[in-house]
Amino acid sequence: MNKIIMEKSIDTDESLDPQKMIPHNLTLPPRAPEKDVPYFGMVPIPAHDFPEQFSNFCFNSLYIKEEVIKAMVDIRNGCNTILVDARIFDVSIT
């Protein structure tokens, strides 16, 4: 969108107005050559292990969900409470 606005303002005589933001001698860089379109419309990608990548993505993306973070905090609080208040193993026997 910015490129369209810039091209339009460069092409018009309004850009010669000193109050405008774009100077009249400003030019865009040359366009990149267009790439050939594949026959089947598919772009080749390098070989990778999709199931492993997908599994890693799903595992790591759970850590951004609010429910998962709250559950982990509650579990940690429960474990800390059990360690301090409710002694599971009585190690004070002499």
PDB file of N, CA and C in Angstrom:
ATOM      1  N   MET A   1       0.828  -1.186   0.000  1.00  0.00           N
ATOM      2  CA  MET A   1       0.000   0.000   0.000  1.00  0.00           C
ATOM      3  C   MET A   1       0.869   1.245   0.000  1.00  0.00           C
ATOM      4  N   ASN A   2       1.940   1.258   0.797  1.00  0.00           N
ATOM      5  CA  ASN A   2       2.821   2.410   0.841  1.00  0.00           C
ATOM      6  C   ASN A   2       3.478   2.649  -0.514  1.00  0.00           C
ATOM      7  N   LYS A   3       3.809   1.570  -1.207  1.00  0.00           N
ATOM      8  CA  LYS A   3       4.450   1.702  -2.509  1.00  0.00           C
ATOM      9  C   LYS A   3       3.495   2.349  -3.507  1.00  0.00           C
ATOM     10  N   ILE A   4       2.215   1.966  -3.457  1.00  0.00           N
ATOM     11  CA  ILE A   4       1.217   2.547  -4.363  1.00  0.00           C
ATOM     12  C   ILE A   4       1.075   4.039  -4.095  1.00  0.00           C
ATOM     13  N   ILE A   5       0.992   4.426  -2.830  1.00  0.00           N
ATOM     14  CA  ILE A   5       0.860   5.844  -2.478  1.00  0.00           C
ATOM     15  C   ILE A   5       2.099   6.612  -2.906  1.00  0.00           C
ATOM     16  N   MET A   6       3.277   6.022  -2.675  1.00  0.00           N
ATOM     17  CA  MET A   6       4.515   6.706  -3.039  1.00  0.00           C
ATOM     18  C   MET A   6       4.615   6.884  -4.547  1.00  0.00           C
ATOM     19  N   GLU A   7       4.301   5.850  -5.324  1.00  0.00           N
ATOM     20  CA  GLU A   7       4.358   5.972  -6.782  1.00  0.00           C
ATOM     21  C   GLU A   7       3.383   7.025  -7.283  1.00  0.00           C
ATOM     22  N   LYS A   8       2.202   7.068  -6.711  1.00  0.00           N
ATOM     23  CA  LYS A   8       1.200   8.047  -7.126  1.00  0.00           C
ATOM     24  C   LYS A   8       1.662   9.460  -6.816  1.00  0.00           C
ATOM     25  N   SER A   9       2.238   9.659  -5.632  1.00  0.00           N
ATOM     26  CA  SER A   9       2.656  11.008  -5.267  1.00  0.00           C
ATOM     27  C   SER A   9       3.891  11.445  -6.045  1.00  0.00           C
ATOM     28  N   ILE A  10       4.743  10.504  -6.439  1.00  0.00           N
ATOM     29  CA  ILE A  10       5.906  10.870  -7.246  1.00  0.00           C
ATOM     30  C   ILE A  10       5.471  11.241  -8.655  1.00  0.00           C
ATOM     31  N   ASP A  11       4.485  10.537  -9.189  1.00  0.00           N
ATOM     32  CA  ASP A  11       4.042  10.782 -10.554  1.00  0.00           C
ATOM     33  C   ASP A  11       3.246  12.076 -10.701  1.00  0.00           C
ATOM     34  N   THR A  12       2.640  12.548  -9.650  1.00  0.00           N
ATOM     35  CA  THR A  12       1.820  13.756  -9.748  1.00  0.00           C
ATOM     36  C   THR A  12       2.659  14.996  -9.523  1.00  0.00           C
ATOM     37  N   ASP A  13       2.153  16.124  -9.947  1.00  0.00           N
ATOM     38  CA  ASP A  13       2.844  17.394  -9.769  1.00  0.00           C
ATOM     39  C   ASP A  13       2.700  17.921  -8.356  1.00  0.00           C
ATOM     40  N   GLU A  14       1.840  17.304  -7.547  1.00  0.00           N
ATOM     41  CA  GLU A  14       1.676  17.748  -6.175  1.00  0.00           C
ATOM     42  C   GLU A  14       2.953  17.563  -5.375  1.00  0.00           C
ATOM     43  N   SER A  15       3.773  16.598  -5.765  1.00  0.00           N
ATOM     44  CA  SER A  15       4.989  16.329  -5.000  1.00  0.00           C
ATOM     45  C   SER A  15       5.988  17.473  -5.132  1.00  0.00           C
ATOM     46  N   LEU A  16       5.801  18.372  -6.104  1.00  0.00           N
ATOM     47  CA  LEU A  16       6.686  19.517  -6.239  1.00  0.00           C
ATOM     48  C   LEU A  16       6.384  20.585  -5.195  1.00  0.00           C
ATOM     49  N   ASP A  17       5.232  20.491  -4.561  1.00  0.00           N
ATOM     50  CA  ASP A  17       4.841  21.436  -3.530  1.00  0.00           C
ATOM     51  C   ASP A  17       5.778  21.269  -2.327  1.00  0.00           C
ATOM     52  N   PRO A  18       6.390  22.354  -1.822  1.00  0.00           N
ATOM     53  CA  PRO A  18       7.337  22.218  -0.711  1.00  0.00           C
ATOM     54  C   PRO A  18       6.698  21.742   0.585  1.00  0.00           C
ATOM     55  N   GLN A  19       5.386  21.805   0.690  1.00  0.00           N
ATOM     56  CA  GLN A  19       4.727  21.357   1.907  1.00  0.00           C
ATOM     57  C   GLN A  19       4.511  19.854   1.931  1.00  0.00           C
ATOM     58  N   LYS A  20       4.716  19.198   0.822  1.00  0.00           N
ATOM     59  CA  LYS A  20       4.521  17.751   0.763  1.00  0.00           C
ATOM     60  C   LYS A  20       5.698  17.029   1.414  1.00  0.00           C
ATOM     61  N   MET A  21       5.446  15.830   1.881  1.00  0.00           N
ATOM     62  CA  MET A  21       6.459  15.068   2.597  1.00  0.00           C
ATOM     63  C   MET A  21       7.466  14.390   1.658  1.00  0.00           C
ATOM     64  N   ILE A  22       7.066  14.062   0.445  1.00  0.00           N
ATOM     65  CA  ILE A  22       7.929  13.330  -0.479  1.00  0.00           C
ATOM     66  C   ILE A  22       8.565  14.318  -1.457  1.00  0.00           C
ATOM     67  N   PRO A  23       9.889  14.418  -1.493  1.00  0.00           N
ATOM     68  CA  PRO A  23      10.531  15.335  -2.437  1.00  0.00           C
ATOM     69  C   PRO A  23      10.338  14.878  -3.877  1.00  0.00           C
ATOM     70  N   HIS A  24      10.412  15.825  -4.796  1.00  0.00           N
ATOM     71  CA  HIS A  24      10.136  15.499  -6.191  1.00  0.00           C
ATOM     72  C   HIS A  24      11.265  14.706  -6.847  1.00  0.00           C
ATOM     73  N   ASN A  25      12.481  14.749  -6.322  1.00  0.00           N
ATOM     74  CA  ASN A  25      13.583  14.013  -6.941  1.00  0.00           C
ATOM     75  C   ASN A  25      13.774  12.619  -6.362  1.00  0.00           C
ATOM     76  N   LEU A  26      12.862  12.179  -5.524  1.00  0.00           N
ATOM     77  CA  LEU A  26      12.949  10.854  -4.928  1.00  0.00           C
ATOM     78  C   LEU A  26      12.459   9.804  -5.925  1.00  0.00           C
ATOM     79  N   THR A  27      13.228   8.737  -6.072  1.00  0.00           N
ATOM     80  CA  THR A  27      12.834   7.668  -6.996  1.00  0.00           C
ATOM     81  C   THR A  27      12.863   6.331  -6.266  1.00  0.00           C
ATOM     82  N   LEU A  28      12.109   5.406  -6.779  1.00  0.00           N
ATOM     83  CA  LEU A  28      12.075   4.061  -6.218  1.00  0.00           C
ATOM     84  C   LEU A  28      13.205   3.234  -6.800  1.00  0.00           C
ATOM     85  N   PRO A  29      13.686   2.226  -6.078  1.00  0.00           N
ATOM     86  CA  PRO A  29      14.708   1.336  -6.645  1.00  0.00           C
ATOM     87  C   PRO A  29      14.105   0.528  -7.790  1.00  0.00           C
ATOM     88  N   PRO A  30      14.951   0.007  -8.660  1.00  0.00           N
ATOM     89  CA  PRO A  30      14.410  -0.781  -9.773  1.00  0.00           C
ATOM     90  C   PRO A  30      13.696  -2.027  -9.259  1.00  0.00           C
ATOM     91  N   ARG A  31      12.697  -2.447 -10.012  1.00  0.00           N
ATOM     92  CA  ARG A  31      11.924  -3.627  -9.628  1.00  0.00           C
ATOM     93  C   ARG A  31      12.763  -4.884  -9.758  1.00  0.00           C
ATOM     94  N   ALA A  32      12.526  -5.802  -8.850  1.00  0.00           N
ATOM     95  CA  ALA A  32      13.210  -7.092  -8.918  1.00  0.00           C
ATOM     96  C   ALA A  32      12.622  -7.897 -10.077  1.00  0.00           C
ATOM     97  N   PRO A  33      13.452  -8.666 -10.756  1.00  0.00           N
ATOM     98  CA  PRO A  33      12.905  -9.461 -11.869  1.00  0.00           C
ATOM     99  C   PRO A  33      11.896 -10.480 -11.344  1.00  0.00           C
ATOM    100  N   GLU A  34      10.856 -10.686 -12.123  1.00  0.00           N
ATOM    101  CA  GLU A  34       9.821 -11.634 -11.717  1.00  0.00           C
ATOM    102  C   GLU A  34      10.345 -13.059 -11.826  1.00  0.00           C
ATOM    103  N   LYS A  35       9.985 -13.865 -10.841  1.00  0.00           N
ATOM    104  CA  LYS A  35      10.415 -15.252 -10.822  1.00  0.00           C
ATOM    105  C   LYS A  35       9.502 -16.081 -11.710  1.00  0.00           C
ATOM    106  N   ASP A  36      10.063 -17.174 -12.245  1.00  0.00           N
ATOM    107  CA  ASP A  36       9.261 -18.084 -13.052  1.00  0.00           C
ATOM    108  C   ASP A  36       8.254 -18.809 -12.167  1.00  0.00           C
ATOM    109  N   VAL A  37       7.057 -18.943 -12.659  1.00  0.00           N
ATOM    110  CA  VAL A  37       6.018 -19.649 -11.928  1.00  0.00           C
ATOM    111  C   VAL A  37       6.144 -21.136 -12.228  1.00  0.00           C
ATOM    112  N   PRO A  38       6.188 -21.974 -11.185  1.00  0.00           N
ATOM    113  CA  PRO A  38       6.283 -23.420 -11.431  1.00  0.00           C
ATOM    114  C   PRO A  38       5.058 -23.928 -12.191  1.00  0.00           C
ATOM    115  N   TYR A  39       5.267 -24.982 -12.954  1.00  0.00           N
ATOM    116  CA  TYR A  39       4.192 -25.511 -13.795  1.00  0.00           C
ATOM    117  C   TYR A  39       2.990 -25.951 -12.972  1.00  0.00           C
ATOM    118  N   PHE A  40       3.216 -26.647 -11.875  1.00  0.00           N
ATOM    119  CA  PHE A  40       2.117 -27.134 -11.048  1.00  0.00           C
ATOM    120  C   PHE A  40       1.741 -26.151  -9.939  1.00  0.00           C
ATOM    121  N   GLY A  41       2.401 -25.017  -9.882  1.00  0.00           N
ATOM    122  CA  GLY A  41       2.087 -24.023  -8.867  1.00  0.00           C
ATOM    123  C   GLY A  41       2.607 -24.377  -7.492  1.00  0.00           C
ATOM    124  N   MET A  42       3.586 -25.268  -7.411  1.00  0.00           N
ATOM    125  CA  MET A  42       4.146 -25.662  -6.129  1.00  0.00           C
ATOM    126  C   MET A  42       5.587 -25.173  -6.039  1.00  0.00           C
ATOM    127  N   VAL A  43       5.985 -24.776  -4.849  1.00  0.00           N
ATOM    128  CA  VAL A  43       7.346 -24.323  -4.618  1.00  0.00           C
ATOM    129  C   VAL A  43       8.092 -25.441  -3.893  1.00  0.00           C
ATOM    130  N   PRO A  44       9.258 -25.822  -4.382  1.00  0.00           N
ATOM    131  CA  PRO A  44       9.992 -26.901  -3.706  1.00  0.00           C
ATOM    132  C   PRO A  44      10.500 -26.426  -2.346  1.00  0.00           C
ATOM    133  N   ILE A  45      10.422 -27.304  -1.358  1.00  0.00           N
ATOM    134  CA  ILE A  45      10.946 -27.011  -0.030  1.00  0.00           C
ATOM    135  C   ILE A  45      11.991 -28.048   0.315  1.00  0.00           C
ATOM    136  N   PRO A  46      12.950 -27.699   1.169  1.00  0.00           N
ATOM    137  CA  PRO A  46      13.979 -28.682   1.510  1.00  0.00           C
ATOM    138  C   PRO A  46      13.398 -29.840   2.318  1.00  0.00           C
ATOM    139  N   ALA A  47      14.080 -30.946   2.290  1.00  0.00           N
ATOM    140  CA  ALA A  47      13.617 -32.137   3.005  1.00  0.00           C
ATOM    141  C   ALA A  47      13.639 -31.882   4.512  1.00  0.00           C
ATOM    142  N   HIS A  48      12.604 -32.320   5.193  1.00  0.00           N
ATOM    143  CA  HIS A  48      12.518 -32.178   6.643  1.00  0.00           C
ATOM    144  C   HIS A  48      11.598 -33.255   7.197  1.00  0.00           C
ATOM    145  N   ASP A  49      11.704 -33.480   8.491  1.00  0.00           N
ATOM    146  CA  ASP A  49      10.889 -34.486   9.164  1.00  0.00           C
ATOM    147  C   ASP A  49       9.616 -33.808   9.666  1.00  0.00           C
ATOM    148  N   PHE A  50       8.555 -33.842   8.870  1.00  0.00           N
ATOM    149  CA  PHE A  50       7.332 -33.107   9.205  1.00  0.00           C
ATOM    150  C   PHE A  50       6.701 -33.572  10.519  1.00  0.00           C
ATOM    151  N   PRO A  51       6.536 -34.872  10.770  1.00  0.00           N
ATOM    152  CA  PRO A  51       5.911 -35.266  12.042  1.00  0.00           C
ATOM    153  C   PRO A  51       6.662 -34.755  13.275  1.00  0.00           C
ATOM    154  N   GLU A  52       7.987 -34.800  13.223  1.00  0.00           N
ATOM    155  CA  GLU A  52       8.777 -34.313  14.358  1.00  0.00           C
ATOM    156  C   GLU A  52       8.639 -32.794  14.505  1.00  0.00           C
ATOM    157  N   GLN A  53       8.706 -32.072  13.395  1.00  0.00           N
ATOM    158  CA  GLN A  53       8.569 -30.609  13.437  1.00  0.00           C
ATOM    159  C   GLN A  53       7.192 -30.212  13.960  1.00  0.00           C
ATOM    160  N   PHE A  54       6.169 -30.901  13.504  1.00  0.00           N
ATOM    161  CA  PHE A  54       4.812 -30.593  13.938  1.00  0.00           C
ATOM    162  C   PHE A  54       4.629 -30.906  15.421  1.00  0.00           C
ATOM    163  N   SER A  55       5.204 -32.019  15.868  1.00  0.00           N
ATOM    164  CA  SER A  55       5.125 -32.386  17.272  1.00  0.00           C
ATOM    165  C   SER A  55       5.822 -31.345  18.142  1.00  0.00           C
ATOM    166  N   ASN A  56       7.000 -30.898  17.728  1.00  0.00           N
ATOM    167  CA  ASN A  56       7.719 -29.856  18.469  1.00  0.00           C
ATOM    168  C   ASN A  56       6.933 -28.555  18.508  1.00  0.00           C
ATOM    169  N   PHE A  57       6.327 -28.204  17.387  1.00  0.00           N
ATOM    170  CA  PHE A  57       5.534 -26.983  17.338  1.00  0.00           C
ATOM    171  C   PHE A  57       4.344 -27.064  18.298  1.00  0.00           C
ATOM    172  N   CYS A  58       3.636 -28.173  18.265  1.00  0.00           N
ATOM    173  CA  CYS A  58       2.467 -28.325  19.147  1.00  0.00           C
ATOM    174  C   CYS A  58       2.885 -28.315  20.609  1.00  0.00           C
ATOM    175  N   PHE A  59       3.978 -28.993  20.923  1.00  0.00           N
ATOM    176  CA  PHE A  59       4.447 -29.051  22.310  1.00  0.00           C
ATOM    177  C   PHE A  59       4.836 -27.660  22.807  1.00  0.00           C
ATOM    178  N   ASN A  60       5.585 -26.923  21.997  1.00  0.00           N
ATOM    179  CA  ASN A  60       6.043 -25.601  22.413  1.00  0.00           C
ATOM    180  C   ASN A  60       4.938 -24.556  22.371  1.00  0.00           C
ATOM    181  N   SER A  61       3.951 -24.736  21.513  1.00  0.00           N
ATOM    182  CA  SER A  61       2.899 -23.732  21.429  1.00  0.00           C
ATOM    183  C   SER A  61       1.916 -23.845  22.592  1.00  0.00           C
ATOM    184  N   LEU A  62       1.947 -24.947  23.321  1.00  0.00           N
ATOM    185  CA  LEU A  62       1.079 -25.061  24.496  1.00  0.00           C
ATOM    186  C   LEU A  62       1.491 -24.077  25.581  1.00  0.00           C
ATOM    187  N   TYR A  63       2.762 -23.738  25.638  1.00  0.00           N
ATOM    188  CA  TYR A  63       3.246 -22.859  26.698  1.00  0.00           C
ATOM    189  C   TYR A  63       2.768 -21.414  26.543  1.00  0.00           C
ATOM    190  N   ILE A  64       2.109 -21.075  25.454  1.00  0.00           N
ATOM    191  CA  ILE A  64       1.612 -19.707  25.293  1.00  0.00           C
ATOM    192  C   ILE A  64       0.121 -19.613  25.603  1.00  0.00           C
ATOM    193  N   LYS A  65      -0.522 -20.731  25.885  1.00  0.00           N
ATOM    194  CA  LYS A  65      -1.953 -20.714  26.202  1.00  0.00           C
ATOM    195  C   LYS A  65      -2.149 -20.406  27.682  1.00  0.00           C
ATOM    196  N   GLU A  66      -3.107 -19.534  27.956  1.00  0.00           N
ATOM    197  CA  GLU A  66      -3.357 -19.096  29.329  1.00  0.00           C
ATOM    198  C   GLU A  66      -3.763 -20.257  30.233  1.00  0.00           C
ATOM    199  N   GLU A  67      -4.579 -21.168  29.726  1.00  0.00           N
ATOM    200  CA  GLU A  67      -5.044 -22.297  30.524  1.00  0.00           C
ATOM    201  C   GLU A  67      -3.887 -23.182  30.953  1.00  0.00           C
ATOM    202  N   VAL A  68      -2.955 -23.408  30.049  1.00  0.00           N
ATOM    203  CA  VAL A  68      -1.817 -24.270  30.352  1.00  0.00           C
ATOM    204  C   VAL A  68      -0.928 -23.613  31.391  1.00  0.00           C
ATOM    205  N   ILE A  69      -0.700 -22.319  31.259  1.00  0.00           N
ATOM    206  CA  ILE A  69       0.143 -21.608  32.224  1.00  0.00           C
ATOM    207  C   ILE A  69      -0.502 -21.627  33.604  1.00  0.00           C
ATOM    208  N   LYS A  70      -1.822 -21.384  33.671  1.00  0.00           N
ATOM    209  CA  LYS A  70      -2.513 -21.422  34.964  1.00  0.00           C
ATOM    210  C   LYS A  70      -2.443 -22.822  35.574  1.00  0.00           C
ATOM    211  N   ALA A  71      -2.615 -23.858  34.760  1.00  0.00           N
ATOM    212  CA  ALA A  71      -2.540 -25.229  35.268  1.00  0.00           C
ATOM    213  C   ALA A  71      -1.153 -25.531  35.812  1.00  0.00           C
ATOM    214  N   MET A  72      -0.107 -25.104  35.119  1.00  0.00           N
ATOM    215  CA  MET A  72       1.250 -25.347  35.587  1.00  0.00           C
ATOM    216  C   MET A  72       1.525 -24.615  36.900  1.00  0.00           C
ATOM    217  N   VAL A  73       1.016 -23.384  37.033  1.00  0.00           N
ATOM    218  CA  VAL A  73       1.192 -22.629  38.275  1.00  0.00           C
ATOM    219  C   VAL A  73       0.460 -23.319  39.419  1.00  0.00           C
ATOM    220  N   ASP A  74      -0.770 -23.775  39.170  1.00  0.00           N
ATOM    221  CA  ASP A  74      -1.536 -24.465  40.215  1.00  0.00           C
ATOM    222  C   ASP A  74      -0.858 -25.773  40.635  1.00  0.00           C
ATOM    223  N   ILE A  75      -0.328 -26.504  39.681  1.00  0.00           N
ATOM    224  CA  ILE A  75       0.371 -27.750  40.002  1.00  0.00           C
ATOM    225  C   ILE A  75       1.605 -27.456  40.850  1.00  0.00           C
ATOM    226  N   ARG A  76       2.361 -26.423  40.476  1.00  0.00           N
ATOM    227  CA  ARG A  76       3.556 -26.069  41.243  1.00  0.00           C
ATOM    228  C   ARG A  76       3.179 -25.640  42.663  1.00  0.00           C
ATOM    229  N   ASN A  77       2.109 -24.850  42.801  1.00  0.00           N
ATOM    230  CA  ASN A  77       1.654 -24.440  44.131  1.00  0.00           C
ATOM    231  C   ASN A  77       1.224 -25.652  44.954  1.00  0.00           C
ATOM    232  N   GLY A  78       0.525 -26.589  44.338  1.00  0.00           N
ATOM    233  CA  GLY A  78       0.113 -27.807  45.036  1.00  0.00           C
ATOM    234  C   GLY A  78       1.296 -28.628  45.487  1.00  0.00           C
ATOM    235  N   CYS A  79       2.293 -28.755  44.626  1.00  0.00           N
ATOM    236  CA  CYS A  79       3.493 -29.517  44.999  1.00  0.00           C
ATOM    237  C   CYS A  79       4.234 -28.840  46.149  1.00  0.00           C
ATOM    238  N   ASN A  80       4.345 -27.520  46.096  1.00  0.00           N
ATOM    239  CA  ASN A  80       5.022 -26.796  47.176  1.00  0.00           C
ATOM    240  C   ASN A  80       4.257 -26.921  48.487  1.00  0.00           C
ATOM    241  N   THR A  81       2.930 -26.894  48.426  1.00  0.00           N
ATOM    242  CA  THR A  81       2.122 -27.048  49.632  1.00  0.00           C
ATOM    243  C   THR A  81       2.320 -28.427  50.251  1.00  0.00           C
ATOM    244  N   ILE A  82       2.346 -29.452  49.427  1.00  0.00           N
ATOM    245  CA  ILE A  82       2.550 -30.817  49.920  1.00  0.00           C
ATOM    246  C   ILE A  82       3.933 -30.952  50.541  1.00  0.00           C
ATOM    247  N   LEU A  83       4.947 -30.352  49.942  1.00  0.00           N
ATOM    248  CA  LEU A  83       6.298 -30.443  50.484  1.00  0.00           C
ATOM    249  C   LEU A  83       6.410 -29.777  51.851  1.00  0.00           C
ATOM    250  N   VAL A  84       5.705 -28.651  52.038  1.00  0.00           N
ATOM    251  CA  VAL A  84       5.847 -27.892  53.276  1.00  0.00           C
ATOM    252  C   VAL A  84       4.874 -28.379  54.345  1.00  0.00           C
ATOM    253  N   ASP A  85       3.601 -28.475  54.013  1.00  0.00           N
ATOM    254  CA  ASP A  85       2.566 -28.742  55.010  1.00  0.00           C
ATOM    255  C   ASP A  85       2.337 -30.226  55.273  1.00  0.00           C
ATOM    256  N   ALA A  86       2.132 -30.977  54.250  1.00  0.00           N
ATOM    257  CA  ALA A  86       1.779 -32.393  54.422  1.00  0.00           C
ATOM    258  C   ALA A  86       2.998 -33.248  54.129  1.00  0.00           C
ATOM    259  N   ARG A  87       3.614 -33.727  55.193  1.00  0.00           N
ATOM    260  CA  ARG A  87       4.801 -34.570  55.005  1.00  0.00           C
ATOM    261  C   ARG A  87       4.355 -35.966  54.554  1.00  0.00           C
ATOM    262  N   ILE A  88       4.785 -36.359  53.399  1.00  0.00           N
ATOM    263  CA  ILE A  88       4.435 -37.668  52.880  1.00  0.00           C
ATOM    264  C   ILE A  88       5.327 -38.730  53.525  1.00  0.00           C
ATOM    265  N   PHE A  89       6.608 -38.430  53.636  1.00  0.00           N
ATOM    266  CA  PHE A  89       7.563 -39.351  54.229  1.00  0.00           C
ATOM    267  C   PHE A  89       7.992 -38.796  55.586  1.00  0.00           C
ATOM    268  N   ASP A  90       7.897 -39.608  56.595  1.00  0.00           N
ATOM    269  CA  ASP A  90       8.301 -39.186  57.925  1.00  0.00           C
ATOM    270  C   ASP A  90       9.781 -39.555  58.100  1.00  0.00           C
ATOM    271  N   VAL A  91      10.646 -38.588  57.963  1.00  0.00           N
ATOM    272  CA  VAL A  91      12.079 -38.835  58.064  1.00  0.00           C
ATOM    273  C   VAL A  91      12.624 -38.382  59.401  1.00  0.00           C
ATOM    274  N   SER A  92      11.731 -38.045  60.335  1.00  0.00           N
ATOM    275  CA  SER A  92      12.189 -37.548  61.638  1.00  0.00           C
ATOM    276  C   SER A  92      12.318 -38.666  62.681  1.00  0.00           C
ATOM    277  N   ILE A  93      12.240 -39.912  62.293  1.00  0.00           N
ATOM    278  CA  ILE A  93      12.355 -41.043  63.221  1.00  0.00           C
ATOM    279  C   ILE A  93      13.793 -41.154  63.678  1.00  0.00           C
ATOM    280  N   THR A  94      13.982 -41.245  64.962  1.00  0.00           N
ATOM    281  CA  THR A  94      15.337 -41.369  65.489  1.00  0.00           C
ATOM    282  C   THR A  94      15.617 -42.787  65.913  1.00  0.00           C
TER     283      THR A  94
END
